[in-house]
Amino acid sequence: QVQLVESGGGLVQAGGSLRLSCAASGRSFSDYDMGWFRQAPGNEREFVAAISRNSNTRYADSVKGRFTISRDNAKNTVYLQMNSLKPEDTAVYYCAAVSSTYNHIPRSREYEYDSWGRGTQVSVSS
């Protein structure tokens, strides 16, 4: 497993932007599939975006065209650029990781990941 630390959350007005970062410890970050999930109060945690070890990406329909996931293997970091934010994007955002040898398909299910960060709060005001 790998240790994950999210940062970059905060309070922003609707229509604004934030960039979340997730720094991973350990070696072989380039071999990890990475994902972002979020949980709003009273809701279950849901998939947001994922990037495979070879940088294929996948997005939830609710964020497609507004959010972009990317990775910098030299910095052991995955990013989530969030534009055109809406109040319904308000949630705690979690980073997730799993070591992957041959997979090229971004993972969108929680059970596919075995390492999780503690989350960062994103609040969007109307």
Foldseek 3Di string as FASTA:
>chain_A
DKAKAKDWADEEAAQAKIKMKIAIDDPDLLQKKKFKWWDDPPGDIFGAKIAHSVGDIDGDPVQPPFWDWDDDNVRRMIMIIGGRDDQVVWTWMKMFIDGHDDDGDTDGDPVVTDYMYPTDTHGYHD
